[in-house]
């Protein structure tokens, strides 16, 4: 499998505090990588550096063999889906998805057709002329994903996109994100603090704590071979608590 993105010795210092401590990792082409960790561990800082919103103090970002560390965000071939949707409330679903395409000289003439096609593929055609405030939280997040997909990014970054949604909507949107990844074969990097979410979605999980990588592996390997006490407590024990809190209500073999 080809390496899509390689991060070399990535450091970031803010107010004399080292937020990221020389991170090294890679993301394969077409892979779904989750960056899992508690608030303040540095995961959102990584995302902002990758997309080009924040310069690293030192280190390199290599994409397809090319150093893009100093490249502007518009030249990185990446898209981002934010936690709060970041939709234009005065525009329709179509207007929101089509918006960024109008600034691309090559896509401007086909912007309407591209937007309509993407909206259909994410199942929002019946809402195409609605304003965001008329949609549910899950539907608004799908609009945000469609807007990102419309620009055909090679890598999509997700900044805790489900944290503001209710449990049922999160489960539904989780399946949709995986289906979108398979359909578009896009490399995805997903920021989350939710262990269950990371394990349900990911090919590999990078577990963070205090600006360092504690373990980067497949979900199966993390469970079977936790790297340290932190992994056992933050990841495995928390997953076990969630399972145990529900399993007592489920009786095997009993159906309605």
C-alpha atoms as a PDB file:
ATOM      1  CA  UNK A   1       0.000   0.000   0.000  1.00  0.00           C
ATOM      2  CA  UNK A   2       1.379   3.404  -1.010  1.00  0.00           C
ATOM      3  CA  UNK A   3       2.112   6.044   1.609  1.00  0.00           C
ATOM      4  CA  UNK A   4      -0.025   9.141   1.010  1.00  0.00           C
ATOM      5  CA  UNK A   5       1.190  11.363   3.840  1.00  0.00           C
ATOM      6  CA  UNK A   6       4.346  11.191   5.945  1.00  0.00           C
ATOM      7  CA  UNK A   7       4.996  13.336   9.011  1.00  0.00           C
ATOM      8  CA  UNK A   8       8.612  13.725  10.114  1.00  0.00           C
ATOM      9  CA  UNK A   9       9.700  15.027  13.535  1.00  0.00           C
ATOM     10  CA  UNK A  10       6.736  17.402  13.812  1.00  0.00           C
ATOM     11  CA  UNK A  11       7.046  19.895  16.680  1.00  0.00           C
ATOM     12  CA  UNK A  12       4.914  22.842  17.704  1.00  0.00           C
ATOM     13  CA  UNK A  13       5.677  25.338  20.453  1.00  0.00           C
ATOM     14  CA  UNK A  14       3.054  27.768  21.768  1.00  0.00           C
ATOM     15  CA  UNK A  15       3.876  30.350  24.443  1.00  0.00           C
ATOM     16  CA  UNK A  16       7.151  28.512  25.144  1.00  0.00           C
ATOM     17  CA  UNK A  17       5.206  25.303  25.755  1.00  0.00           C
ATOM     18  CA  UNK A  18       5.981  22.377  23.441  1.00  0.00           C
ATOM     19  CA  UNK A  19       2.554  21.162  22.345  1.00  0.00           C
ATOM     20  CA  UNK A  20       3.795  18.478  19.928  1.00  0.00           C
ATOM     21  CA  UNK A  21       6.970  16.567  20.741  1.00  0.00           C
ATOM     22  CA  UNK A  22       8.636  15.461  17.500  1.00  0.00           C
ATOM     23  CA  UNK A  23       5.871  13.283  16.002  1.00  0.00           C
ATOM     24  CA  UNK A  24       6.626  10.715  13.301  1.00  0.00           C
ATOM     25  CA  UNK A  25       3.859   8.818  11.502  1.00  0.00           C
ATOM     26  CA  UNK A  26       2.448   8.073   8.054  1.00  0.00           C
ATOM     27  CA  UNK A  27      -0.975   7.627   6.471  1.00  0.00           C
ATOM     28  CA  UNK A  28      -1.527   5.148   3.657  1.00  0.00           C
ATOM     29  CA  UNK A  29      -3.429   6.002   0.484  1.00  0.00           C
ATOM     30  CA  UNK A  30      -7.129   5.287   1.019  1.00  0.00           C
ATOM     31  CA  UNK A  31      -6.691   4.668   4.741  1.00  0.00           C
ATOM     32  CA  UNK A  32      -8.986   5.766   7.548  1.00  0.00           C
ATOM     33  CA  UNK A  33      -6.741   6.914  10.401  1.00  0.00           C
ATOM     34  CA  UNK A  34      -8.233   8.163  13.658  1.00  0.00           C
ATOM     35  CA  UNK A  35      -6.249  10.371  16.008  1.00  0.00           C
ATOM     36  CA  UNK A  36      -7.657   9.543  19.435  1.00  0.00           C
ATOM     37  CA  UNK A  37      -6.953  11.376  22.658  1.00  0.00           C
ATOM     38  CA  UNK A  38      -8.355  13.550  25.453  1.00  0.00           C
ATOM     39  CA  UNK A  39      -8.825  17.311  25.208  1.00  0.00           C
ATOM     40  CA  UNK A  40      -5.521  19.170  25.161  1.00  0.00           C
ATOM     41  CA  UNK A  41      -3.425  16.227  23.930  1.00  0.00           C
ATOM     42  CA  UNK A  42      -2.454  18.001  20.667  1.00  0.00           C
ATOM     43  CA  UNK A  43      -4.687  16.208  18.166  1.00  0.00           C
ATOM     44  CA  UNK A  44      -6.408  19.347  16.833  1.00  0.00           C
ATOM     45  CA  UNK A  45      -3.029  21.090  16.560  1.00  0.00           C
ATOM     46  CA  UNK A  46      -1.909  18.252  14.266  1.00  0.00           C
ATOM     47  CA  UNK A  47      -4.989  18.746  12.094  1.00  0.00           C
ATOM     48  CA  UNK A  48      -4.470  22.505  11.808  1.00  0.00           C
ATOM     49  CA  UNK A  49      -0.834  22.006  10.820  1.00  0.00           C
ATOM     50  CA  UNK A  50      -1.682  19.336   8.229  1.00  0.00           C
ATOM     51  CA  UNK A  51      -4.341  21.466   6.534  1.00  0.00           C
ATOM     52  CA  UNK A  52      -2.089  24.553   6.523  1.00  0.00           C
ATOM     53  CA  UNK A  53      -3.922  26.723   9.067  1.00  0.00           C
ATOM     54  CA  UNK A  54      -0.989  26.650  11.488  1.00  0.00           C
ATOM     55  CA  UNK A  55       2.758  26.489  10.740  1.00  0.00           C
ATOM     56  CA  UNK A  56       4.797  23.890  12.643  1.00  0.00           C
ATOM     57  CA  UNK A  57       7.726  25.047  14.745  1.00  0.00           C
ATOM     58  CA  UNK A  58       9.798  22.376  13.012  1.00  0.00           C
ATOM     59  CA  UNK A  59       9.381  19.138  11.068  1.00  0.00           C
ATOM     60  CA  UNK A  60       8.155  18.108   7.632  1.00  0.00           C
ATOM     61  CA  UNK A  61       4.886  17.176   5.965  1.00  0.00           C
ATOM     62  CA  UNK A  62       5.464  14.964   2.921  1.00  0.00           C
ATOM     63  CA  UNK A  63       2.543  14.236   0.568  1.00  0.00           C
ATOM     64  CA  UNK A  64       3.068  11.852  -2.343  1.00  0.00           C
ATOM     65  CA  UNK A  65       6.812  12.292  -1.884  1.00  0.00           C
ATOM     66  CA  UNK A  66       6.680  16.107  -2.037  1.00  0.00           C
ATOM     67  CA  UNK A  67       7.423  18.432   0.876  1.00  0.00           C
ATOM     68  CA  UNK A  68       4.282  20.559   1.436  1.00  0.00           C
ATOM     69  CA  UNK A  69       5.259  21.954   4.848  1.00  0.00           C
ATOM     70  CA  UNK A  70       5.295  25.543   3.558  1.00  0.00           C
ATOM     71  CA  UNK A  71       2.549  25.143   0.929  1.00  0.00           C
ATOM     72  CA  UNK A  72      -0.638  27.236   1.283  1.00  0.00           C
ATOM     73  CA  UNK A  73      -3.784  25.407   2.331  1.00  0.00           C
ATOM     74  CA  UNK A  74      -5.304  25.793  -1.133  1.00  0.00           C
ATOM     75  CA  UNK A  75      -2.437  23.851  -2.717  1.00  0.00           C
ATOM     76  CA  UNK A  76      -2.391  20.844  -0.393  1.00  0.00           C
ATOM     77  CA  UNK A  77      -5.205  18.805  -1.933  1.00  0.00           C
ATOM     78  CA  UNK A  78      -6.929  18.482   1.441  1.00  0.00           C
ATOM     79  CA  UNK A  79     -10.396  19.295   2.711  1.00  0.00           C
ATOM     80  CA  UNK A  80     -11.689  19.718   6.238  1.00  0.00           C
ATOM     81  CA  UNK A  81     -15.026  19.030   7.938  1.00  0.00           C
ATOM     82  CA  UNK A  82     -15.477  21.062  11.110  1.00  0.00           C
ATOM     83  CA  UNK A  83     -17.326  20.183  14.299  1.00  0.00           C
ATOM     84  CA  UNK A  84     -19.733  23.131  13.959  1.00  0.00           C
ATOM     85  CA  UNK A  85     -20.523  22.550  10.234  1.00  0.00           C
ATOM     86  CA  UNK A  86     -19.405  26.093   9.230  1.00  0.00           C
ATOM     87  CA  UNK A  87     -22.260  26.412   6.732  1.00  0.00           C
ATOM     88  CA  UNK A  88     -23.572  29.655   5.243  1.00  0.00           C
ATOM     89  CA  UNK A  89     -27.004  30.052   6.827  1.00  0.00           C
ATOM     90  CA  UNK A  90     -28.229  32.392   4.073  1.00  0.00           C
ATOM     91  CA  UNK A  91     -27.485  29.825   1.318  1.00  0.00           C
ATOM     92  CA  UNK A  92     -29.332  26.675   0.343  1.00  0.00           C
ATOM     93  CA  UNK A  93     -27.779  23.224   0.476  1.00  0.00           C
ATOM     94  CA  UNK A  94     -26.915  23.597  -3.206  1.00  0.00           C
ATOM     95  CA  UNK A  95     -25.424  27.035  -2.645  1.00  0.00           C
ATOM     96  CA  UNK A  96     -23.234  25.794   0.195  1.00  0.00           C
ATOM     97  CA  UNK A  97     -21.890  22.819  -1.750  1.00  0.00           C
ATOM     98  CA  UNK A  98     -21.362  24.843  -4.927  1.00  0.00           C
ATOM     99  CA  UNK A  99     -19.725  27.823  -3.190  1.00  0.00           C
ATOM    100  CA  UNK A 100     -16.063  26.763  -3.178  1.00  0.00           C
ATOM    101  CA  UNK A 101     -16.255  25.439  -6.742  1.00  0.00           C
ATOM    102  CA  UNK A 102     -17.006  28.911  -8.091  1.00  0.00           C
ATOM    103  CA  UNK A 103     -13.495  30.032  -7.140  1.00  0.00           C
ATOM    104  CA  UNK A 104     -11.821  27.250  -9.140  1.00  0.00           C
ATOM    105  CA  UNK A 105     -11.236  28.305 -12.741  1.00  0.00           C
ATOM    106  CA  UNK A 106     -11.286  24.717 -13.976  1.00  0.00           C
ATOM    107  CA  UNK A 107     -14.470  23.765 -12.120  1.00  0.00           C
ATOM    108  CA  UNK A 108     -16.470  27.003 -12.218  1.00  0.00           C
ATOM    109  CA  UNK A 109     -18.309  26.197 -15.456  1.00  0.00           C
ATOM    110  CA  UNK A 110     -19.353  22.784 -14.096  1.00  0.00           C
ATOM    111  CA  UNK A 111     -19.937  23.838 -10.494  1.00  0.00           C
ATOM    112  CA  UNK A 112     -23.717  23.354 -10.515  1.00  0.00           C
ATOM    113  CA  UNK A 113     -23.537  19.870 -12.060  1.00  0.00           C
ATOM    114  CA  UNK A 114     -20.746  18.754  -9.694  1.00  0.00           C
ATOM    115  CA  UNK A 115     -22.625  20.046  -6.651  1.00  0.00           C
ATOM    116  CA  UNK A 116     -25.884  18.369  -7.656  1.00  0.00           C
ATOM    117  CA  UNK A 117     -24.095  15.068  -8.246  1.00  0.00           C
ATOM    118  CA  UNK A 118     -22.365  15.123  -4.855  1.00  0.00           C
ATOM    119  CA  UNK A 119     -25.602  16.097  -3.089  1.00  0.00           C
ATOM    120  CA  UNK A 120     -27.322  13.117  -4.699  1.00  0.00           C
ATOM    121  CA  UNK A 121     -24.521  10.758  -3.671  1.00  0.00           C
ATOM    122  CA  UNK A 122     -24.773  11.745   0.004  1.00  0.00           C
ATOM    123  CA  UNK A 123     -28.568  11.404  -0.072  1.00  0.00           C
ATOM    124  CA  UNK A 124     -29.595  15.050   0.245  1.00  0.00           C
ATOM    125  CA  UNK A 125     -31.371  15.686  -3.073  1.00  0.00           C
ATOM    126  CA  UNK A 126     -34.762  16.189  -1.429  1.00  0.00           C
ATOM    127  CA  UNK A 127     -33.230  18.949   0.726  1.00  0.00           C
ATOM    128  CA  UNK A 128     -31.244  20.634  -2.050  1.00  0.00           C
ATOM    129  CA  UNK A 129     -33.154  23.945  -1.874  1.00  0.00           C
ATOM    130  CA  UNK A 130     -33.435  24.160   1.915  1.00  0.00           C
ATOM    131  CA  UNK A 131     -31.449  26.505   4.137  1.00  0.00           C
ATOM    132  CA  UNK A 132     -29.242  24.844   6.806  1.00  0.00           C
ATOM    133  CA  UNK A 133     -31.425  25.995   9.706  1.00  0.00           C
ATOM    134  CA  UNK A 134     -34.240  23.826   8.325  1.00  0.00           C
ATOM    135  CA  UNK A 135     -32.090  20.681   8.526  1.00  0.00           C
ATOM    136  CA  UNK A 136     -31.238  18.370  11.409  1.00  0.00           C
ATOM    137  CA  UNK A 137     -27.726  18.320  12.842  1.00  0.00           C
ATOM    138  CA  UNK A 138     -26.906  15.113  10.988  1.00  0.00           C
ATOM    139  CA  UNK A 139     -28.174  16.542   7.700  1.00  0.00           C
ATOM    140  CA  UNK A 140     -26.122  19.707   8.188  1.00  0.00           C
ATOM    141  CA  UNK A 141     -23.014  17.633   8.785  1.00  0.00           C
ATOM    142  CA  UNK A 142     -23.718  15.720   5.566  1.00  0.00           C
ATOM    143  CA  UNK A 143     -23.919  19.068   3.742  1.00  0.00           C
ATOM    144  CA  UNK A 144     -20.518  19.969   5.206  1.00  0.00           C
ATOM    145  CA  UNK A 145     -19.103  16.631   4.023  1.00  0.00           C
ATOM    146  CA  UNK A 146     -20.660  17.092   0.565  1.00  0.00           C
ATOM    147  CA  UNK A 147     -19.133  20.581   0.298  1.00  0.00           C
ATOM    148  CA  UNK A 148     -15.714  19.133   1.071  1.00  0.00           C
ATOM    149  CA  UNK A 149     -16.133  16.222  -1.361  1.00  0.00           C
ATOM    150  CA  UNK A 150     -17.184  18.571  -4.158  1.00  0.00           C
ATOM    151  CA  UNK A 151     -13.633  19.943  -4.364  1.00  0.00           C
ATOM    152  CA  UNK A 152     -12.352  16.380  -4.830  1.00  0.00           C
ATOM    153  CA  UNK A 153      -9.683  16.451  -2.100  1.00  0.00           C
ATOM    154  CA  UNK A 154      -7.151  13.636  -1.878  1.00  0.00           C
ATOM    155  CA  UNK A 155      -7.302  13.756   1.927  1.00  0.00           C
ATOM    156  CA  UNK A 156     -10.245  14.728   4.142  1.00  0.00           C
ATOM    157  CA  UNK A 157      -9.645  15.835   7.723  1.00  0.00           C
ATOM    158  CA  UNK A 158     -12.459  15.599  10.289  1.00  0.00           C
ATOM    159  CA  UNK A 159     -12.360  17.730  13.444  1.00  0.00           C
ATOM    160  CA  UNK A 160     -14.601  15.839  15.911  1.00  0.00           C
ATOM    161  CA  UNK A 161     -17.555  16.065  13.473  1.00  0.00           C
ATOM    162  CA  UNK A 162     -20.036  14.164  15.647  1.00  0.00           C
ATOM    163  CA  UNK A 163     -19.485  15.680  19.080  1.00  0.00           C
ATOM    164  CA  UNK A 164     -22.526  17.968  18.786  1.00  0.00           C
ATOM    165  CA  UNK A 165     -24.894  15.223  17.583  1.00  0.00           C
ATOM    166  CA  UNK A 166     -27.220  12.911  19.513  1.00  0.00           C
ATOM    167  CA  UNK A 167     -26.385   9.213  19.857  1.00  0.00           C
ATOM    168  CA  UNK A 168     -28.736   7.925  17.143  1.00  0.00           C
ATOM    169  CA  UNK A 169     -27.534  10.504  14.619  1.00  0.00           C
ATOM    170  CA  UNK A 170     -23.889   9.708  15.430  1.00  0.00           C
ATOM    171  CA  UNK A 171     -24.436   6.015  14.689  1.00  0.00           C
ATOM    172  CA  UNK A 172     -26.162   6.785  11.393  1.00  0.00           C
ATOM    173  CA  UNK A 173     -23.550   9.330  10.291  1.00  0.00           C
ATOM    174  CA  UNK A 174     -20.736   6.957  11.260  1.00  0.00           C
ATOM    175  CA  UNK A 175     -22.009   4.421   8.714  1.00  0.00           C
ATOM    176  CA  UNK A 176     -22.421   7.130   6.091  1.00  0.00           C
ATOM    177  CA  UNK A 177     -18.843   8.366   6.527  1.00  0.00           C
ATOM    178  CA  UNK A 178     -17.501   4.829   6.030  1.00  0.00           C
ATOM    179  CA  UNK A 179     -19.701   4.371   2.951  1.00  0.00           C
ATOM    180  CA  UNK A 180     -18.510   7.707   1.547  1.00  0.00           C
ATOM    181  CA  UNK A 181     -14.904   6.668   2.076  1.00  0.00           C
ATOM    182  CA  UNK A 182     -15.443   3.418   0.186  1.00  0.00           C
ATOM    183  CA  UNK A 183     -17.356   5.140  -2.607  1.00  0.00           C
ATOM    184  CA  UNK A 184     -14.848   7.967  -3.155  1.00  0.00           C
ATOM    185  CA  UNK A 185     -11.725   6.022  -2.044  1.00  0.00           C
ATOM    186  CA  UNK A 186     -10.558   9.056  -0.120  1.00  0.00           C
ATOM    187  CA  UNK A 187      -7.853   9.074   2.533  1.00  0.00           C
ATOM    188  CA  UNK A 188      -9.409  10.220   5.807  1.00  0.00           C
ATOM    189  CA  UNK A 189      -7.865  11.495   9.048  1.00  0.00           C
ATOM    190  CA  UNK A 190     -10.393  11.684  11.864  1.00  0.00           C
ATOM    191  CA  UNK A 191      -9.926  13.570  15.140  1.00  0.00           C
ATOM    192  CA  UNK A 192     -11.910  12.218  18.089  1.00  0.00           C
ATOM    193  CA  UNK A 193     -11.887  11.789  21.877  1.00  0.00           C
ATOM    194  CA  UNK A 194     -14.395   8.918  21.660  1.00  0.00           C
ATOM    195  CA  UNK A 195     -12.851   5.436  21.903  1.00  0.00           C
ATOM    196  CA  UNK A 196     -15.908   3.646  20.527  1.00  0.00           C
ATOM    197  CA  UNK A 197     -16.054   5.958  17.512  1.00  0.00           C
ATOM    198  CA  UNK A 198     -12.368   5.437  16.704  1.00  0.00           C
ATOM    199  CA  UNK A 199     -12.631   1.656  16.924  1.00  0.00           C
ATOM    200  CA  UNK A 200     -15.786   1.509  14.798  1.00  0.00           C
ATOM    201  CA  UNK A 201     -14.398   3.630  11.954  1.00  0.00           C
ATOM    202  CA  UNK A 202     -10.649   3.153  11.710  1.00  0.00           C
ATOM    203  CA  UNK A 203      -8.174   1.054   9.789  1.00  0.00           C
ATOM    204  CA  UNK A 204      -5.571   2.277  12.282  1.00  0.00           C
ATOM    205  CA  UNK A 205      -5.730   4.418  15.414  1.00  0.00           C
ATOM    206  CA  UNK A 206      -3.088   6.852  16.657  1.00  0.00           C
ATOM    207  CA  UNK A 207      -3.536   7.275  20.401  1.00  0.00           C
ATOM    208  CA  UNK A 208      -2.214  10.594  21.732  1.00  0.00           C
ATOM    209  CA  UNK A 209      -1.381  11.930  25.189  1.00  0.00           C
ATOM    210  CA  UNK A 210       0.417  15.165  26.120  1.00  0.00           C
ATOM    211  CA  UNK A 211       1.659  15.834  22.591  1.00  0.00           C
ATOM    212  CA  UNK A 212       3.146  12.368  22.073  1.00  0.00           C
ATOM    213  CA  UNK A 213       2.071   9.240  20.199  1.00  0.00           C
ATOM    214  CA  UNK A 214       1.401   6.473  22.711  1.00  0.00           C
ATOM    215  CA  UNK A 215       0.514   3.818  20.143  1.00  0.00           C
ATOM    216  CA  UNK A 216      -0.272   3.665  16.417  1.00  0.00           C
ATOM    217  CA  UNK A 217      -1.746   0.392  15.258  1.00  0.00           C
ATOM    218  CA  UNK A 218      -4.848  -1.435  14.098  1.00  0.00           C
ATOM    219  CA  UNK A 219      -7.778  -1.581  16.541  1.00  0.00           C
ATOM    220  CA  UNK A 220      -7.238  -5.321  16.938  1.00  0.00           C
ATOM    221  CA  UNK A 221      -3.539  -4.916  17.785  1.00  0.00           C
ATOM    222  CA  UNK A 222      -4.219  -2.129  20.283  1.00  0.00           C
ATOM    223  CA  UNK A 223      -6.655  -4.378  22.163  1.00  0.00           C
ATOM    224  CA  UNK A 224      -4.461  -7.481  22.034  1.00  0.00           C
ATOM    225  CA  UNK A 225      -1.121  -5.716  22.592  1.00  0.00           C
ATOM    226  CA  UNK A 226      -1.562  -2.399  24.446  1.00  0.00           C
ATOM    227  CA  UNK A 227       1.732  -0.485  24.420  1.00  0.00           C
ATOM    228  CA  UNK A 228       1.558   0.794  28.007  1.00  0.00           C
ATOM    229  CA  UNK A 229      -0.601   1.514  31.038  1.00  0.00           C
ATOM    230  CA  UNK A 230      -2.062   4.643  29.455  1.00  0.00           C
ATOM    231  CA  UNK A 231      -3.405   2.631  26.489  1.00  0.00           C
ATOM    232  CA  UNK A 232      -4.921   0.048  28.820  1.00  0.00           C
ATOM    233  CA  UNK A 233      -6.611   2.691  30.971  1.00  0.00           C
ATOM    234  CA  UNK A 234      -7.659   5.347  28.446  1.00  0.00           C
ATOM    235  CA  UNK A 235      -8.583   3.034  25.577  1.00  0.00           C
ATOM    236  CA  UNK A 236      -9.299  -0.533  26.680  1.00  0.00           C
ATOM    237  CA  UNK A 237     -10.702   0.106  30.153  1.00  0.00           C
ATOM    238  CA  UNK A 238     -12.973   2.869  28.833  1.00  0.00           C
ATOM    239  CA  UNK A 239     -14.258   0.630  26.046  1.00  0.00           C
ATOM    240  CA  UNK A 240     -14.883  -2.156  28.557  1.00  0.00           C
ATOM    241  CA  UNK A 241     -16.816   0.209  30.834  1.00  0.00           C
ATOM    242  CA  UNK A 242     -19.061   1.262  27.936  1.00  0.00           C
ATOM    243  CA  UNK A 243     -19.717  -2.367  27.004  1.00  0.00           C
ATOM    244  CA  UNK A 244     -20.371  -3.469  30.595  1.00  0.00           C
ATOM    245  CA  UNK A 245     -22.777  -0.592  31.197  1.00  0.00           C
ATOM    246  CA  UNK A 246     -25.009  -1.895  28.396  1.00  0.00           C
ATOM    247  CA  UNK A 247     -24.506  -5.658  28.316  1.00  0.00           C
ATOM    248  CA  UNK A 248     -26.540  -6.193  31.514  1.00  0.00           C
ATOM    249  CA  UNK A 249     -29.621  -5.010  29.610  1.00  0.00           C
ATOM    250  CA  UNK A 250     -29.095  -7.458  26.752  1.00  0.00           C
ATOM    251  CA  UNK A 251     -30.126 -11.057  27.271  1.00  0.00           C
ATOM    252  CA  UNK A 252     -28.708 -13.415  24.605  1.00  0.00           C
ATOM    253  CA  UNK A 253     -31.341 -15.223  22.633  1.00  0.00           C
ATOM    254  CA  UNK A 254     -34.192 -13.013  23.760  1.00  0.00           C
ATOM    255  CA  UNK A 255     -36.096 -11.282  20.957  1.00  0.00           C
ATOM    256  CA  UNK A 256     -39.265  -9.263  20.802  1.00  0.00           C
END
